[in-house]
Amino acid sequence: MTKLPGKGCLLRVYIGESDKTGGKPLYEAIVLKTRELGMAGATVLRGIMGFGANSRVHTAKVLEISEDLPLVVEIVDTEENIEKLLPWLDDVVKEGLVTLEEIKVVNYRSSRLPN
């Protein structure tokens, strides 16, 4: 289990809902890889509208059902642990955007872990 200091990193991976790797959804592969590496946490956020480098708009309107909505996978951990994940991401993210920023971790607790 990762113990986060006051300083950490936020890695964001912007991809499409239909992106795949190894036959499974890319967002799922990313979350499972972060768990396998024992990272602090990952969350997948689904957007209702967006566009990327190709400028094609993806939207979730009532009359238009998109199966490729924008997704953001957010991963928070130490810079050292994030750096371990980056080469793997470089291999599996064929189309998308990856950003990294320094953050201040205010609180990181679990009711299932001892204090």
C-alpha atoms as a PDB file:
ATOM      1  CA  MET A   1       0.000   0.000   0.000  1.00  0.00           C
ATOM      2  CA  THR A   2       1.334   3.393  -0.989  1.00  0.00           C
ATOM      3  CA  LYS A   3       1.763   5.977   1.731  1.00  0.00           C
ATOM      4  CA  LEU A   4       1.471   9.394   0.171  1.00  0.00           C
ATOM      5  CA  PRO A   5       3.459  12.307   1.496  1.00  0.00           C
ATOM      6  CA  GLY A   6       2.162  15.867   1.273  1.00  0.00           C
ATOM      7  CA  LYS A   7       3.575  16.057  -2.244  1.00  0.00           C
ATOM      8  CA  GLY A   8       2.298  13.744  -4.973  1.00  0.00           C
ATOM      9  CA  CYS A   9       1.540  13.505  -8.679  1.00  0.00           C
ATOM     10  CA  LEU A  10      -1.701  13.484 -10.637  1.00  0.00           C
ATOM     11  CA  LEU A  11      -1.534  11.624 -13.930  1.00  0.00           C
ATOM     12  CA  ARG A  12      -4.434  12.089 -16.333  1.00  0.00           C
ATOM     13  CA  VAL A  13      -5.000   9.870 -19.357  1.00  0.00           C
ATOM     14  CA  TYR A  14      -7.537  11.234 -21.875  1.00  0.00           C
ATOM     15  CA  ILE A  15      -8.851   8.447 -24.099  1.00  0.00           C
ATOM     16  CA  GLY A  16     -12.025   7.291 -25.837  1.00  0.00           C
ATOM     17  CA  GLU A  17     -14.509   4.836 -24.405  1.00  0.00           C
ATOM     18  CA  SER A  18     -14.037   2.492 -27.369  1.00  0.00           C
ATOM     19  CA  ASP A  19     -10.210   2.381 -27.095  1.00  0.00           C
ATOM     20  CA  LYS A  20      -8.930  -1.136 -26.471  1.00  0.00           C
ATOM     21  CA  THR A  21      -5.738  -2.984 -25.636  1.00  0.00           C
ATOM     22  CA  GLY A  22      -5.352  -6.735 -25.670  1.00  0.00           C
ATOM     23  CA  GLY A  23      -9.051  -7.096 -26.528  1.00  0.00           C
ATOM     24  CA  LYS A  24     -10.327  -5.297 -23.419  1.00  0.00           C
ATOM     25  CA  PRO A  25     -11.246  -1.681 -22.748  1.00  0.00           C
ATOM     26  CA  LEU A  26      -8.153   0.490 -22.349  1.00  0.00           C
ATOM     27  CA  TYR A  27      -9.547   2.296 -19.304  1.00  0.00           C
ATOM     28  CA  GLU A  28     -10.019  -1.063 -17.560  1.00  0.00           C
ATOM     29  CA  ALA A  29      -6.490  -2.180 -18.442  1.00  0.00           C
ATOM     30  CA  ILE A  30      -5.082   1.071 -17.028  1.00  0.00           C
ATOM     31  CA  VAL A  31      -6.943   0.752 -13.722  1.00  0.00           C
ATOM     32  CA  LEU A  32      -5.989  -2.923 -13.360  1.00  0.00           C
ATOM     33  CA  LYS A  33      -2.332  -2.124 -14.128  1.00  0.00           C
ATOM     34  CA  THR A  34      -2.256   0.605 -11.467  1.00  0.00           C
ATOM     35  CA  ARG A  35      -3.731  -1.837  -8.950  1.00  0.00           C
ATOM     36  CA  GLU A  36      -1.205  -4.505  -9.941  1.00  0.00           C
ATOM     37  CA  LEU A  37       1.597  -1.993  -9.329  1.00  0.00           C
ATOM     38  CA  GLY A  38       0.179  -1.213  -5.865  1.00  0.00           C
ATOM     39  CA  MET A  39      -0.495   2.404  -6.707  1.00  0.00           C
ATOM     40  CA  ALA A  40      -2.525   4.667  -4.426  1.00  0.00           C
ATOM     41  CA  GLY A  41      -5.620   4.954  -6.608  1.00  0.00           C
ATOM     42  CA  ALA A  42      -7.207   5.419 -10.012  1.00  0.00           C
ATOM     43  CA  THR A  43     -10.599   6.716 -11.115  1.00  0.00           C
ATOM     44  CA  VAL A  44     -12.278   6.670 -14.531  1.00  0.00           C
ATOM     45  CA  LEU A  45     -14.421   9.703 -15.366  1.00  0.00           C
ATOM     46  CA  ARG A  46     -16.828   9.629 -18.313  1.00  0.00           C
ATOM     47  CA  GLY A  47     -17.349  12.846 -20.213  1.00  0.00           C
ATOM     48  CA  ILE A  48     -20.581  13.887 -21.891  1.00  0.00           C
ATOM     49  CA  MET A  49     -18.870  15.829 -24.662  1.00  0.00           C
ATOM     50  CA  GLY A  50     -15.375  16.415 -25.956  1.00  0.00           C
ATOM     51  CA  PHE A  51     -12.937  16.288 -28.851  1.00  0.00           C
ATOM     52  CA  GLY A  52      -9.283  15.486 -29.249  1.00  0.00           C
ATOM     53  CA  ALA A  53      -6.443  15.824 -31.722  1.00  0.00           C
ATOM     54  CA  ASN A  54      -8.579  14.688 -34.661  1.00  0.00           C
ATOM     55  CA  SER A  55     -11.225  17.374 -33.820  1.00  0.00           C
ATOM     56  CA  ARG A  56     -14.081  14.845 -34.064  1.00  0.00           C
ATOM     57  CA  VAL A  57     -16.743  15.748 -31.476  1.00  0.00           C
ATOM     58  CA  HIS A  58     -18.003  12.962 -29.218  1.00  0.00           C
ATOM     59  CA  THR A  59     -21.262  13.691 -27.434  1.00  0.00           C
ATOM     60  CA  ALA A  60     -23.978  12.037 -25.352  1.00  0.00           C
ATOM     61  CA  LYS A  61     -27.134  13.724 -26.616  1.00  0.00           C
ATOM     62  CA  VAL A  62     -30.593  12.215 -26.222  1.00  0.00           C
ATOM     63  CA  LEU A  63     -31.075  11.620 -29.948  1.00  0.00           C
ATOM     64  CA  GLU A  64     -27.462  10.671 -30.627  1.00  0.00           C
ATOM     65  CA  ILE A  65     -26.057   7.673 -28.794  1.00  0.00           C
ATOM     66  CA  SER A  66     -22.281   7.660 -28.858  1.00  0.00           C
ATOM     67  CA  GLU A  67     -20.328   4.548 -27.996  1.00  0.00           C
ATOM     68  CA  ASP A  68     -17.084   6.486 -27.921  1.00  0.00           C
ATOM     69  CA  LEU A  69     -17.516   9.123 -25.244  1.00  0.00           C
ATOM     70  CA  PRO A  70     -14.431  10.801 -23.815  1.00  0.00           C
ATOM     71  CA  LEU A  71     -12.901   9.242 -20.709  1.00  0.00           C
ATOM     72  CA  VAL A  72     -10.311  10.542 -18.273  1.00  0.00           C
ATOM     73  CA  VAL A  73      -8.407   8.123 -16.064  1.00  0.00           C
ATOM     74  CA  GLU A  74      -6.963   9.948 -13.047  1.00  0.00           C
ATOM     75  CA  ILE A  75      -4.156   8.326 -11.106  1.00  0.00           C
ATOM     76  CA  VAL A  76      -2.695   9.776  -7.913  1.00  0.00           C
ATOM     77  CA  ASP A  77       0.559   8.534  -6.417  1.00  0.00           C
ATOM     78  CA  THR A  78       4.152   9.506  -5.749  1.00  0.00           C
ATOM     79  CA  GLU A  79       6.260  10.767  -8.625  1.00  0.00           C
ATOM     80  CA  GLU A  80       8.444   7.652  -8.334  1.00  0.00           C
ATOM     81  CA  ASN A  81       5.481   5.286  -8.749  1.00  0.00           C
ATOM     82  CA  ILE A  82       3.953   7.321 -11.577  1.00  0.00           C
ATOM     83  CA  GLU A  83       7.285   7.186 -13.440  1.00  0.00           C
ATOM     84  CA  LYS A  84       7.122   3.362 -13.320  1.00  0.00           C
ATOM     85  CA  LEU A  85       3.771   3.404 -15.121  1.00  0.00           C
ATOM     86  CA  LEU A  86       4.671   5.824 -17.929  1.00  0.00           C
ATOM     87  CA  PRO A  87       6.569   3.386 -20.236  1.00  0.00           C
ATOM     88  CA  TRP A  88       3.636   0.930 -20.104  1.00  0.00           C
ATOM     89  CA  LEU A  89       1.183   3.748 -20.887  1.00  0.00           C
ATOM     90  CA  ASP A  90       3.355   4.811 -23.808  1.00  0.00           C
ATOM     91  CA  ASP A  91       2.910   1.306 -25.254  1.00  0.00           C
ATOM     92  CA  VAL A  92      -0.863   0.980 -24.768  1.00  0.00           C
ATOM     93  CA  VAL A  93      -2.195   4.502 -25.381  1.00  0.00           C
ATOM     94  CA  LYS A  94      -2.194   4.659 -29.185  1.00  0.00           C
ATOM     95  CA  GLU A  95      -4.403   7.748 -29.397  1.00  0.00           C
ATOM     96  CA  GLY A  96      -5.007  10.152 -26.550  1.00  0.00           C
ATOM     97  CA  LEU A  97      -3.370  12.643 -24.221  1.00  0.00           C
ATOM     98  CA  VAL A  98      -1.381  12.007 -21.052  1.00  0.00           C
ATOM     99  CA  THR A  99      -0.687  14.830 -18.585  1.00  0.00           C
ATOM    100  CA  LEU A 100       1.220  14.944 -15.314  1.00  0.00           C
ATOM    101  CA  GLU A 101       1.150  17.564 -12.596  1.00  0.00           C
ATOM    102  CA  GLU A 102       2.466  17.990  -9.097  1.00  0.00           C
ATOM    103  CA  ILE A 103      -0.214  18.058  -6.405  1.00  0.00           C
ATOM    104  CA  LYS A 104      -0.468  18.467  -2.650  1.00  0.00           C
ATOM    105  CA  VAL A 105      -2.077  15.443  -0.988  1.00  0.00           C
ATOM    106  CA  VAL A 106      -4.193  16.688   1.900  1.00  0.00           C
ATOM    107  CA  ASN A 107      -5.695  13.410   3.087  1.00  0.00           C
ATOM    108  CA  TYR A 108      -5.396   9.756   2.059  1.00  0.00           C
ATOM    109  CA  ARG A 109      -7.112   7.244   4.328  1.00  0.00           C
ATOM    110  CA  SER A 110      -9.046   4.016   4.263  1.00  0.00           C
ATOM    111  CA  SER A 111     -11.419   2.833   6.974  1.00  0.00           C
ATOM    112  CA  ARG A 112     -10.129  -0.699   6.306  1.00  0.00           C
ATOM    113  CA  LEU A 113      -6.526   0.154   7.113  1.00  0.00           C
ATOM    114  CA  PRO A 114      -5.000   0.811  10.535  1.00  0.00           C
ATOM    115  CA  ASN A 115      -4.103   4.471  11.197  1.00  0.00           C
END
